[in-house]
Amino acid sequence: MDRRERPRVSAEHALALGGASSRNPFGDLVTLQHLSARLSKSLKPVFEGMLRRPLRCWAEPVEVQRWADYKAERGDALSAWQPLAMQPGRGRACLVIDGRHVMEMLDAFFGGDGEGVAPGEFTPAAEALVARLGQAVAVPLAAAWEPLVRIGFRATTVMVLGAPPELPGDEAVVITRFGLADGDRKPVHVDLLYPASALKPHSAALAVKVHDDGDEVEPEWRSGLTRAVMGVRFPVRSVLAEPVMPLGRLLELKPGDVIPIDFGTQVPVMVASRKLGAGEVGTANGRAAVRLTTLEPINAEDFR
């Protein structure tokens, strides 16, 4: 229900990238759609940090449009156009945010309720916030592209934040749109644009088909993999005490000195670098031992 009410034209039947008469050299862009879906999960904490409230974030269907048509669709309302340099090469993507949404983020970032009005122009504070957002988006964007091709993204400075980039009107652009929703509030959308010229060096990677993972895994293979995983060994340790001493006292230590320690009834039990739970120190069969009293909940998202 959060998605755009107006259906968007499928990229498969859109104008060809780089020319109106040739077919789309990137195919149906399913690979880019999967990339956008993966990126939406990483963008969620970025925008939550700006708006200071929990959000839902999702990727809209990918679309291909003429540059002139895209600008006409956005209308005359002020928008922020933050360029993202793509390296290696000289290609540039562009992060596009409605001006009203920029002001909402600015108000929330400085402790307000996240209310904003459509601005006539961007203030220096708004420009600084969009530049900061561009830098924050560049990191997960590069990580999302990593399985396909290694591309570095970097937010670049722009003379006028409210001015769209200069592209030929017939230039085709790939539009990846992300929705953001907070509770019952009306969703807002943020666009990430890729001009055709910027994606052409990566045509081969975008043409790779995504394999369907819906087929049932062979039971014998799954059983063997499970047995192998269950045999992996992890170091388990318990931290009884972590005394803190000044450097001067440490330099004065000599054999025979006593370092006093103090620990409570509950001590943490660690598996590798993660906390497994807590327990009580005692003995079992004549050996020192820890009896587990609580276990930390396991969140599957932490292991993705």
C-alpha atoms as a PDB file:
ATOM      1  CA  MET A   1       0.000   0.000   0.000  1.00  0.00           C
ATOM      2  CA  ASP A   2       3.012   2.295   0.419  1.00  0.00           C
ATOM      3  CA  ARG A   3       3.998   2.027  -3.228  1.00  0.00           C
ATOM      4  CA  ARG A   4       3.211   4.680  -5.802  1.00  0.00           C
ATOM      5  CA  GLU A   5      -0.435   4.654  -6.833  1.00  0.00           C
ATOM      6  CA  ARG A   6       0.352   5.462 -10.472  1.00  0.00           C
ATOM      7  CA  PRO A   7       1.877   2.396 -12.186  1.00  0.00           C
ATOM      8  CA  ARG A   8       5.208   3.028 -13.847  1.00  0.00           C
ATOM      9  CA  VAL A   9       6.126   1.763 -17.299  1.00  0.00           C
ATOM     10  CA  SER A  10       8.272  -1.373 -17.232  1.00  0.00           C
ATOM     11  CA  ALA A  11      11.915  -0.829 -18.154  1.00  0.00           C
ATOM     12  CA  GLU A  12      11.748  -3.747 -20.589  1.00  0.00           C
ATOM     13  CA  HIS A  13       9.547  -1.772 -22.969  1.00  0.00           C
ATOM     14  CA  ALA A  14      11.017   1.653 -22.306  1.00  0.00           C
ATOM     15  CA  LEU A  15      13.093   3.617 -24.786  1.00  0.00           C
ATOM     16  CA  ALA A  16      16.467   2.129 -25.492  1.00  0.00           C
ATOM     17  CA  LEU A  17      19.379   3.414 -23.479  1.00  0.00           C
ATOM     18  CA  GLY A  18      21.463   5.627 -25.714  1.00  0.00           C
ATOM     19  CA  GLY A  19      18.958   5.821 -28.557  1.00  0.00           C
ATOM     20  CA  ALA A  20      15.254   5.703 -29.268  1.00  0.00           C
ATOM     21  CA  SER A  21      15.455   3.181 -32.077  1.00  0.00           C
ATOM     22  CA  SER A  22      17.628   0.418 -30.550  1.00  0.00           C
ATOM     23  CA  ARG A  23      16.513  -2.022 -27.874  1.00  0.00           C
ATOM     24  CA  ASN A  24      17.540  -1.680 -24.246  1.00  0.00           C
ATOM     25  CA  PRO A  25      21.107  -3.071 -24.095  1.00  0.00           C
ATOM     26  CA  PHE A  26      20.694  -3.801 -20.376  1.00  0.00           C
ATOM     27  CA  GLY A  27      17.834  -6.262 -20.897  1.00  0.00           C
ATOM     28  CA  ASP A  28      14.952  -6.177 -18.448  1.00  0.00           C
ATOM     29  CA  LEU A  29      17.147  -4.745 -15.626  1.00  0.00           C
ATOM     30  CA  VAL A  30      16.165  -7.513 -13.215  1.00  0.00           C
ATOM     31  CA  THR A  31      19.722  -7.502 -11.880  1.00  0.00           C
ATOM     32  CA  LEU A  32      19.505  -3.794 -11.095  1.00  0.00           C
ATOM     33  CA  GLN A  33      16.133  -4.361  -9.432  1.00  0.00           C
ATOM     34  CA  HIS A  34      17.677  -6.954  -7.111  1.00  0.00           C
ATOM     35  CA  LEU A  35      20.537  -4.555  -6.404  1.00  0.00           C
ATOM     36  CA  SER A  36      18.063  -1.815  -5.473  1.00  0.00           C
ATOM     37  CA  ALA A  37      16.139  -4.136  -3.163  1.00  0.00           C
ATOM     38  CA  ARG A  38      19.379  -5.002  -1.371  1.00  0.00           C
ATOM     39  CA  LEU A  39      20.361  -1.336  -1.211  1.00  0.00           C
ATOM     40  CA  SER A  40      17.027  -0.339   0.363  1.00  0.00           C
ATOM     41  CA  LYS A  41      17.911  -2.351   3.480  1.00  0.00           C
ATOM     42  CA  SER A  42      21.159  -0.405   3.845  1.00  0.00           C
ATOM     43  CA  LEU A  43      19.520   2.969   3.203  1.00  0.00           C
ATOM     44  CA  LYS A  44      17.061   2.449   6.051  1.00  0.00           C
ATOM     45  CA  PRO A  45      19.549   3.264   8.877  1.00  0.00           C
ATOM     46  CA  VAL A  46      20.954   6.192   6.856  1.00  0.00           C
ATOM     47  CA  PHE A  47      17.613   8.000   6.668  1.00  0.00           C
ATOM     48  CA  GLU A  48      16.632   6.920  10.178  1.00  0.00           C
ATOM     49  CA  GLY A  49      19.755   8.679  11.424  1.00  0.00           C
ATOM     50  CA  MET A  50      18.695  11.869   9.643  1.00  0.00           C
ATOM     51  CA  LEU A  51      15.018  11.800  10.656  1.00  0.00           C
ATOM     52  CA  ARG A  52      15.707  10.294  14.102  1.00  0.00           C
ATOM     53  CA  ARG A  53      12.754   7.911  13.948  1.00  0.00           C
ATOM     54  CA  PRO A  54      12.156   4.344  12.690  1.00  0.00           C
ATOM     55  CA  LEU A  55      11.228   4.000   9.030  1.00  0.00           C
ATOM     56  CA  ARG A  56      10.141   1.448   6.468  1.00  0.00           C
ATOM     57  CA  CYS A  57      12.242   1.476   3.303  1.00  0.00           C
ATOM     58  CA  TRP A  58      11.637  -0.369   0.036  1.00  0.00           C
ATOM     59  CA  ALA A  59      12.677  -0.257  -3.627  1.00  0.00           C
ATOM     60  CA  GLU A  60      10.169   0.673  -6.345  1.00  0.00           C
ATOM     61  CA  PRO A  61      10.287  -1.008  -9.795  1.00  0.00           C
ATOM     62  CA  VAL A  62      13.147   0.236 -11.959  1.00  0.00           C
ATOM     63  CA  GLU A  63      12.178   2.510 -14.850  1.00  0.00           C
ATOM     64  CA  VAL A  64      13.916   3.963 -17.899  1.00  0.00           C
ATOM     65  CA  GLN A  65      12.908   7.444 -19.101  1.00  0.00           C
ATOM     66  CA  ARG A  66      14.113  10.219 -21.348  1.00  0.00           C
ATOM     67  CA  TRP A  67      15.832  12.892 -19.308  1.00  0.00           C
ATOM     68  CA  ALA A  68      13.455  15.577 -20.584  1.00  0.00           C
ATOM     69  CA  ASP A  69      10.423  13.473 -19.593  1.00  0.00           C
ATOM     70  CA  TYR A  70      11.796  12.848 -16.123  1.00  0.00           C
ATOM     71  CA  LYS A  71      12.359  16.561 -15.472  1.00  0.00           C
ATOM     72  CA  ALA A  72       8.868  17.354 -16.773  1.00  0.00           C
ATOM     73  CA  GLU A  73       7.372  14.729 -14.439  1.00  0.00           C
ATOM     74  CA  ARG A  74       9.057  16.311 -11.411  1.00  0.00           C
ATOM     75  CA  GLY A  75       7.606  19.705 -12.285  1.00  0.00           C
ATOM     76  CA  ASP A  76       8.762  23.090 -11.035  1.00  0.00           C
ATOM     77  CA  ALA A  77       8.934  22.218  -7.317  1.00  0.00           C
ATOM     78  CA  LEU A  78      12.401  22.683  -5.844  1.00  0.00           C
ATOM     79  CA  SER A  79      14.420  19.457  -5.551  1.00  0.00           C
ATOM     80  CA  ALA A  80      17.928  18.692  -4.340  1.00  0.00           C
ATOM     81  CA  TRP A  81      20.221  17.186  -7.000  1.00  0.00           C
ATOM     82  CA  GLN A  82      23.303  15.664  -5.341  1.00  0.00           C
ATOM     83  CA  PRO A  83      25.824  14.215  -7.852  1.00  0.00           C
ATOM     84  CA  LEU A  84      27.639  10.974  -6.998  1.00  0.00           C
ATOM     85  CA  ALA A  85      30.859  10.388  -8.916  1.00  0.00           C
ATOM     86  CA  MET A  86      31.324   6.785 -10.108  1.00  0.00           C
ATOM     87  CA  GLN A  87      34.916   5.567 -10.084  1.00  0.00           C
ATOM     88  CA  PRO A  88      36.743   4.344 -12.058  1.00  0.00           C
ATOM     89  CA  GLY A  89      35.589   6.398 -15.005  1.00  0.00           C
ATOM     90  CA  ARG A  90      33.825   9.732 -15.279  1.00  0.00           C
ATOM     91  CA  GLY A  91      30.234   8.579 -14.871  1.00  0.00           C
ATOM     92  CA  ARG A  92      27.931  10.271 -12.387  1.00  0.00           C
ATOM     93  CA  ALA A  93      24.820   9.070 -10.666  1.00  0.00           C
ATOM     94  CA  CYS A  94      22.496  11.568  -8.996  1.00  0.00           C
ATOM     95  CA  LEU A  95      20.569  11.476  -5.730  1.00  0.00           C
ATOM     96  CA  VAL A  96      17.294  13.410  -6.069  1.00  0.00           C
ATOM     97  CA  ILE A  97      15.257  14.476  -3.021  1.00  0.00           C
ATOM     98  CA  ASP A  98      12.153  16.677  -2.864  1.00  0.00           C
ATOM     99  CA  GLY A  99      12.856  20.061  -1.305  1.00  0.00           C
ATOM    100  CA  ARG A 100      10.106  19.613   1.271  1.00  0.00           C
ATOM    101  CA  HIS A 101      11.631  16.315   2.402  1.00  0.00           C
ATOM    102  CA  VAL A 102      15.038  17.991   2.737  1.00  0.00           C
ATOM    103  CA  MET A 103      13.528  20.560   5.091  1.00  0.00           C
ATOM    104  CA  GLU A 104      11.784  17.801   7.078  1.00  0.00           C
ATOM    105  CA  MET A 105      15.116  16.022   7.563  1.00  0.00           C
ATOM    106  CA  LEU A 106      16.800  19.291   8.512  1.00  0.00           C
ATOM    107  CA  ASP A 107      14.138  20.037  11.139  1.00  0.00           C
ATOM    108  CA  ALA A 108      14.315  16.507  12.583  1.00  0.00           C
ATOM    109  CA  PHE A 109      18.122  16.482  12.560  1.00  0.00           C
ATOM    110  CA  PHE A 110      18.203  19.540  14.809  1.00  0.00           C
ATOM    111  CA  GLY A 111      15.663  18.123  17.257  1.00  0.00           C
ATOM    112  CA  GLY A 112      12.371  19.247  15.700  1.00  0.00           C
ATOM    113  CA  ASP A 113       9.269  17.222  14.876  1.00  0.00           C
ATOM    114  CA  GLY A 114      10.297  16.685  11.274  1.00  0.00           C
ATOM    115  CA  GLU A 115       7.878  19.235   9.858  1.00  0.00           C
ATOM    116  CA  GLY A 116       8.868  21.073   6.714  1.00  0.00           C
ATOM    117  CA  VAL A 117       7.520  23.322   3.991  1.00  0.00           C
ATOM    118  CA  ALA A 118       8.456  23.521   0.345  1.00  0.00           C
ATOM    119  CA  PRO A 119      11.379  25.988   0.233  1.00  0.00           C
ATOM    120  CA  GLY A 120      11.976  28.669  -2.380  1.00  0.00           C
ATOM    121  CA  GLU A 121      15.713  28.007  -2.153  1.00  0.00           C
ATOM    122  CA  PHE A 122      18.055  25.895  -0.042  1.00  0.00           C
ATOM    123  CA  THR A 123      19.770  27.366   2.997  1.00  0.00           C
ATOM    124  CA  PRO A 124      23.462  26.659   3.679  1.00  0.00           C
ATOM    125  CA  ALA A 125      22.365  24.261   6.441  1.00  0.00           C
ATOM    126  CA  ALA A 126      20.166  22.350   3.990  1.00  0.00           C
ATOM    127  CA  GLU A 127      23.016  22.158   1.471  1.00  0.00           C
ATOM    128  CA  ALA A 128      25.362  20.817   4.143  1.00  0.00           C
ATOM    129  CA  LEU A 129      22.806  18.200   5.193  1.00  0.00           C
ATOM    130  CA  VAL A 130      22.290  16.963   1.613  1.00  0.00           C
ATOM    131  CA  ALA A 131      26.067  16.758   1.112  1.00  0.00           C
ATOM    132  CA  ARG A 132      26.335  14.738   4.317  1.00  0.00           C
ATOM    133  CA  LEU A 133      23.503  12.492   3.161  1.00  0.00           C
ATOM    134  CA  GLY A 134      25.231  11.963  -0.191  1.00  0.00           C
ATOM    135  CA  GLN A 135      28.411  10.861   1.585  1.00  0.00           C
ATOM    136  CA  ALA A 136      26.415   8.483   3.805  1.00  0.00           C
ATOM    137  CA  VAL A 137      24.573   6.960   0.819  1.00  0.00           C
ATOM    138  CA  ALA A 138      27.797   6.437  -1.162  1.00  0.00           C
ATOM    139  CA  VAL A 139      29.090   3.755   1.235  1.00  0.00           C
ATOM    140  CA  PRO A 140      26.146   1.287   1.098  1.00  0.00           C
ATOM    141  CA  LEU A 141      25.725   2.064  -2.603  1.00  0.00           C
ATOM    142  CA  ALA A 142      29.231   0.817  -3.360  1.00  0.00           C
ATOM    143  CA  ALA A 143      28.613  -2.251  -1.176  1.00  0.00           C
ATOM    144  CA  ALA A 144      25.389  -3.042  -3.044  1.00  0.00           C
ATOM    145  CA  TRP A 145      27.217  -2.928  -6.397  1.00  0.00           C
ATOM    146  CA  GLU A 146      30.107  -5.062  -5.112  1.00  0.00           C
ATOM    147  CA  PRO A 147      28.641  -8.467  -6.190  1.00  0.00           C
ATOM    148  CA  LEU A 148      28.276  -7.166  -9.774  1.00  0.00           C
ATOM    149  CA  VAL A 149      31.191  -4.811 -10.317  1.00  0.00           C
ATOM    150  CA  ARG A 150      33.458  -2.801  -8.063  1.00  0.00           C
ATOM    151  CA  ILE A 151      32.404   0.838  -8.314  1.00  0.00           C
ATOM    152  CA  GLY A 152      33.365   3.596  -5.921  1.00  0.00           C
ATOM    153  CA  PHE A 153      30.822   6.350  -5.276  1.00  0.00           C
ATOM    154  CA  ARG A 154      31.690   9.789  -3.942  1.00  0.00           C
ATOM    155  CA  ALA A 155      29.443  12.778  -3.246  1.00  0.00           C
ATOM    156  CA  THR A 156      30.733  15.782  -5.198  1.00  0.00           C
ATOM    157  CA  THR A 157      30.171  19.473  -4.600  1.00  0.00           C
ATOM    158  CA  VAL A 158      27.701  21.319  -6.786  1.00  0.00           C
ATOM    159  CA  MET A 159      27.395  25.046  -7.449  1.00  0.00           C
ATOM    160  CA  VAL A 160      23.588  25.158  -7.174  1.00  0.00           C
ATOM    161  CA  LEU A 161      21.965  22.288  -5.276  1.00  0.00           C
ATOM    162  CA  GLY A 162      18.536  23.021  -6.745  1.00  0.00           C
ATOM    163  CA  ALA A 163      19.704  22.873 -10.384  1.00  0.00           C
ATOM    164  CA  PRO A 164      19.424  19.517 -12.217  1.00  0.00           C
ATOM    165  CA  PRO A 165      22.497  18.168 -14.028  1.00  0.00           C
ATOM    166  CA  GLU A 166      23.017  19.191 -17.626  1.00  0.00           C
ATOM    167  CA  LEU A 167      22.137  16.215 -19.827  1.00  0.00           C
ATOM    168  CA  PRO A 168      20.765  16.041 -23.370  1.00  0.00           C
ATOM    169  CA  GLY A 169      16.978  15.898 -23.390  1.00  0.00           C
ATOM    170  CA  ASP A 170      17.019  12.595 -25.310  1.00  0.00           C
ATOM    171  CA  GLU A 171      19.512  10.998 -22.901  1.00  0.00           C
ATOM    172  CA  ALA A 172      17.981   7.925 -21.291  1.00  0.00           C
ATOM    173  CA  VAL A 173      18.247   7.606 -17.528  1.00  0.00           C
ATOM    174  CA  VAL A 174      17.649   4.566 -15.334  1.00  0.00           C
ATOM    175  CA  ILE A 175      15.534   5.538 -12.330  1.00  0.00           C
ATOM    176  CA  THR A 176      15.805   3.536  -9.127  1.00  0.00           C
ATOM    177  CA  ARG A 177      13.271   4.878  -6.638  1.00  0.00           C
ATOM    178  CA  PHE A 178      13.137   4.194  -2.896  1.00  0.00           C
ATOM    179  CA  GLY A 179      10.138   4.693  -0.652  1.00  0.00           C
ATOM    180  CA  LEU A 180      10.363   5.863   2.950  1.00  0.00           C
ATOM    181  CA  ALA A 181       7.427   5.673   5.356  1.00  0.00           C
ATOM    182  CA  ASP A 182       7.038   6.491   9.028  1.00  0.00           C
ATOM    183  CA  GLY A 183       3.961   5.017  10.680  1.00  0.00           C
ATOM    184  CA  ASP A 184       0.782   6.482   9.179  1.00  0.00           C
ATOM    185  CA  ARG A 185       2.550   9.404   7.510  1.00  0.00           C
ATOM    186  CA  LYS A 186       2.393   9.728   3.748  1.00  0.00           C
ATOM    187  CA  PRO A 187       5.390   7.979   2.169  1.00  0.00           C
ATOM    188  CA  VAL A 188       8.104  10.025   0.488  1.00  0.00           C
ATOM    189  CA  HIS A 189      10.309   8.896  -2.366  1.00  0.00           C
ATOM    190  CA  VAL A 190      13.990   9.391  -3.070  1.00  0.00           C
ATOM    191  CA  ASP A 191      15.379   8.802  -6.562  1.00  0.00           C
ATOM    192  CA  LEU A 192      18.778   7.520  -7.559  1.00  0.00           C
ATOM    193  CA  LEU A 193      19.425   8.222 -11.256  1.00  0.00           C
ATOM    194  CA  TYR A 194      21.946   6.533 -13.551  1.00  0.00           C
ATOM    195  CA  PRO A 195      22.459   8.121 -16.977  1.00  0.00           C
ATOM    196  CA  ALA A 196      22.829   5.553 -19.752  1.00  0.00           C
ATOM    197  CA  SER A 197      26.369   6.748 -20.483  1.00  0.00           C
ATOM    198  CA  ALA A 198      27.376   6.018 -16.877  1.00  0.00           C
ATOM    199  CA  LEU A 199      26.065   2.429 -16.990  1.00  0.00           C
ATOM    200  CA  LYS A 200      27.280   1.438 -20.454  1.00  0.00           C
ATOM    201  CA  PRO A 201      30.766   0.386 -19.210  1.00  0.00           C
ATOM    202  CA  HIS A 202      28.991  -2.106 -16.935  1.00  0.00           C
ATOM    203  CA  SER A 203      26.587  -3.568 -19.507  1.00  0.00           C
ATOM    204  CA  ALA A 204      28.049  -7.059 -19.195  1.00  0.00           C
ATOM    205  CA  ALA A 205      27.554  -7.141 -15.426  1.00  0.00           C
ATOM    206  CA  LEU A 206      23.977  -5.838 -15.687  1.00  0.00           C
ATOM    207  CA  ALA A 207      23.112  -8.446 -18.312  1.00  0.00           C
ATOM    208  CA  VAL A 208      23.944 -11.330 -15.959  1.00  0.00           C
ATOM    209  CA  LYS A 209      20.790 -13.200 -15.070  1.00  0.00           C
ATOM    210  CA  VAL A 210      19.889 -13.652 -11.424  1.00  0.00           C
ATOM    211  CA  HIS A 211      19.445 -17.330 -10.667  1.00  0.00           C
ATOM    212  CA  ASP A 212      16.155 -18.316  -9.098  1.00  0.00           C
ATOM    213  CA  ASP A 213      16.644 -19.713  -5.605  1.00  0.00           C
ATOM    214  CA  GLY A 214      13.137 -21.093  -5.348  1.00  0.00           C
ATOM    215  CA  ASP A 215      14.108 -24.664  -6.338  1.00  0.00           C
ATOM    216  CA  GLU A 216      14.298 -27.201  -3.540  1.00  0.00           C
ATOM    217  CA  VAL A 217      17.843 -27.882  -2.372  1.00  0.00           C
ATOM    218  CA  GLU A 218      18.979 -31.486  -2.729  1.00  0.00           C
ATOM    219  CA  PRO A 219      18.390 -33.131   0.714  1.00  0.00           C
ATOM    220  CA  GLU A 220      21.653 -35.084   0.610  1.00  0.00           C
ATOM    221  CA  TRP A 221      23.637 -31.922  -0.091  1.00  0.00           C
ATOM    222  CA  ARG A 222      21.803 -29.992   2.653  1.00  0.00           C
ATOM    223  CA  SER A 223      22.454 -32.808   5.150  1.00  0.00           C
ATOM    224  CA  GLY A 224      26.156 -32.890   4.347  1.00  0.00           C
ATOM    225  CA  LEU A 225      26.416 -29.113   4.630  1.00  0.00           C
ATOM    226  CA  THR A 226      24.614 -29.174   7.986  1.00  0.00           C
ATOM    227  CA  ARG A 227      26.993 -31.807   9.361  1.00  0.00           C
ATOM    228  CA  ALA A 228      29.991 -29.800   8.185  1.00  0.00           C
ATOM    229  CA  VAL A 229      28.677 -26.567   9.753  1.00  0.00           C
ATOM    230  CA  MET A 230      27.895 -28.272  13.048  1.00  0.00           C
ATOM    231  CA  GLY A 231      31.516 -29.402  13.246  1.00  0.00           C
ATOM    232  CA  VAL A 232      32.929 -25.853  13.107  1.00  0.00           C
ATOM    233  CA  ARG A 233      34.783 -25.065  16.343  1.00  0.00           C
ATOM    234  CA  PHE A 234      34.415 -21.746  18.202  1.00  0.00           C
ATOM    235  CA  PRO A 235      36.425 -20.496  21.177  1.00  0.00           C
ATOM    236  CA  VAL A 236      34.246 -20.102  24.285  1.00  0.00           C
ATOM    237  CA  ARG A 237      35.531 -17.946  27.139  1.00  0.00           C
ATOM    238  CA  SER A 238      34.266 -16.293  30.277  1.00  0.00           C
ATOM    239  CA  VAL A 239      35.504 -12.917  31.499  1.00  0.00           C
ATOM    240  CA  LEU A 240      35.775 -13.063  35.297  1.00  0.00           C
ATOM    241  CA  ALA A 241      37.254  -9.609  35.782  1.00  0.00           C
ATOM    242  CA  GLU A 242      38.789  -6.744  33.825  1.00  0.00           C
ATOM    243  CA  PRO A 243      40.666  -4.561  36.343  1.00  0.00           C
ATOM    244  CA  VAL A 244      41.720  -1.092  35.201  1.00  0.00           C
ATOM    245  CA  MET A 245      45.026   0.354  36.412  1.00  0.00           C
ATOM    246  CA  PRO A 246      46.896   3.563  35.586  1.00  0.00           C
ATOM    247  CA  LEU A 247      50.027   3.253  33.473  1.00  0.00           C
ATOM    248  CA  GLY A 248      52.208   4.474  36.339  1.00  0.00           C
ATOM    249  CA  ARG A 249      51.012   1.625  38.586  1.00  0.00           C
ATOM    250  CA  LEU A 250      51.575  -0.943  35.823  1.00  0.00           C
ATOM    251  CA  LEU A 251      55.185   0.195  35.384  1.00  0.00           C
ATOM    252  CA  GLU A 252      55.775  -0.286  39.110  1.00  0.00           C
ATOM    253  CA  LEU A 253      54.568  -3.914  39.199  1.00  0.00           C
ATOM    254  CA  LYS A 254      57.080  -6.589  40.203  1.00  0.00           C
ATOM    255  CA  PRO A 255      56.877 -10.341  40.910  1.00  0.00           C
ATOM    256  CA  GLY A 256      54.875 -11.001  44.059  1.00  0.00           C
ATOM    257  CA  ASP A 257      52.562  -7.978  43.745  1.00  0.00           C
ATOM    258  CA  VAL A 258      48.838  -8.671  44.056  1.00  0.00           C
ATOM    259  CA  ILE A 259      46.237  -7.171  41.714  1.00  0.00           C
ATOM    260  CA  PRO A 260      42.850  -7.225  43.482  1.00  0.00           C
ATOM    261  CA  ILE A 261      39.837  -8.176  41.368  1.00  0.00           C
ATOM    262  CA  ASP A 262      36.129  -8.059  42.045  1.00  0.00           C
ATOM    263  CA  PHE A 263      33.385  -9.824  40.123  1.00  0.00           C
ATOM    264  CA  GLY A 264      29.720 -10.395  40.786  1.00  0.00           C
ATOM    265  CA  THR A 265      27.690 -13.565  40.774  1.00  0.00           C
ATOM    266  CA  GLN A 266      26.996 -13.250  37.050  1.00  0.00           C
ATOM    267  CA  VAL A 267      29.865 -13.295  34.543  1.00  0.00           C
ATOM    268  CA  PRO A 268      29.582 -12.945  30.761  1.00  0.00           C
ATOM    269  CA  VAL A 269      30.173 -15.972  28.524  1.00  0.00           C
ATOM    270  CA  MET A 270      31.537 -15.153  25.057  1.00  0.00           C
ATOM    271  CA  VAL A 271      31.642 -17.160  21.826  1.00  0.00           C
ATOM    272  CA  ALA A 272      34.300 -15.626  19.593  1.00  0.00           C
ATOM    273  CA  SER A 273      33.463 -11.897  19.821  1.00  0.00           C
ATOM    274  CA  ARG A 274      29.728 -12.293  20.595  1.00  0.00           C
ATOM    275  CA  LYS A 275      28.074 -12.607  23.979  1.00  0.00           C
ATOM    276  CA  LEU A 276      26.395 -15.987  24.406  1.00  0.00           C
ATOM    277  CA  GLY A 277      24.865 -15.218  27.791  1.00  0.00           C
ATOM    278  CA  ALA A 278      25.755 -15.026  31.475  1.00  0.00           C
ATOM    279  CA  GLY A 279      26.344 -17.552  34.217  1.00  0.00           C
ATOM    280  CA  GLU A 280      27.449 -18.311  37.766  1.00  0.00           C
ATOM    281  CA  VAL A 281      31.025 -19.270  38.673  1.00  0.00           C
ATOM    282  CA  GLY A 282      31.416 -22.573  40.531  1.00  0.00           C
ATOM    283  CA  THR A 283      32.888 -26.063  40.258  1.00  0.00           C
ATOM    284  CA  ALA A 284      31.856 -29.250  38.437  1.00  0.00           C
ATOM    285  CA  ASN A 285      33.624 -32.608  38.834  1.00  0.00           C
ATOM    286  CA  GLY A 286      36.451 -30.905  40.705  1.00  0.00           C
ATOM    287  CA  ARG A 287      37.063 -28.318  37.960  1.00  0.00           C
ATOM    288  CA  ALA A 288      36.190 -24.622  37.753  1.00  0.00           C
ATOM    289  CA  ALA A 289      33.069 -24.085  35.672  1.00  0.00           C
ATOM    290  CA  VAL A 290      30.376 -21.597  34.721  1.00  0.00           C
ATOM    291  CA  ARG A 291      26.702 -22.563  34.885  1.00  0.00           C
ATOM    292  CA  LEU A 292      24.657 -20.677  32.267  1.00  0.00           C
ATOM    293  CA  THR A 293      21.709 -18.792  33.727  1.00  0.00           C
ATOM    294  CA  THR A 294      20.690 -16.584  30.773  1.00  0.00           C
ATOM    295  CA  LEU A 295      21.157 -16.717  27.002  1.00  0.00           C
ATOM    296  CA  GLU A 296      21.199 -13.757  24.639  1.00  0.00           C
ATOM    297  CA  PRO A 297      18.464 -13.805  21.952  1.00  0.00           C
ATOM    298  CA  ILE A 298      19.781 -14.660  18.480  1.00  0.00           C
ATOM    299  CA  ASN A 299      18.781 -12.217  15.740  1.00  0.00           C
ATOM    300  CA  ALA A 300      19.170 -13.688  12.271  1.00  0.00           C
ATOM    301  CA  GLU A 301      19.732 -10.198  10.800  1.00  0.00           C
ATOM    302  CA  ASP A 302      22.990  -9.921  12.768  1.00  0.00           C
ATOM    303  CA  PHE A 303      24.493 -12.758  10.725  1.00  0.00           C
ATOM    304  CA  ARG A 304      23.518 -11.560   7.245  1.00  0.00           C
END
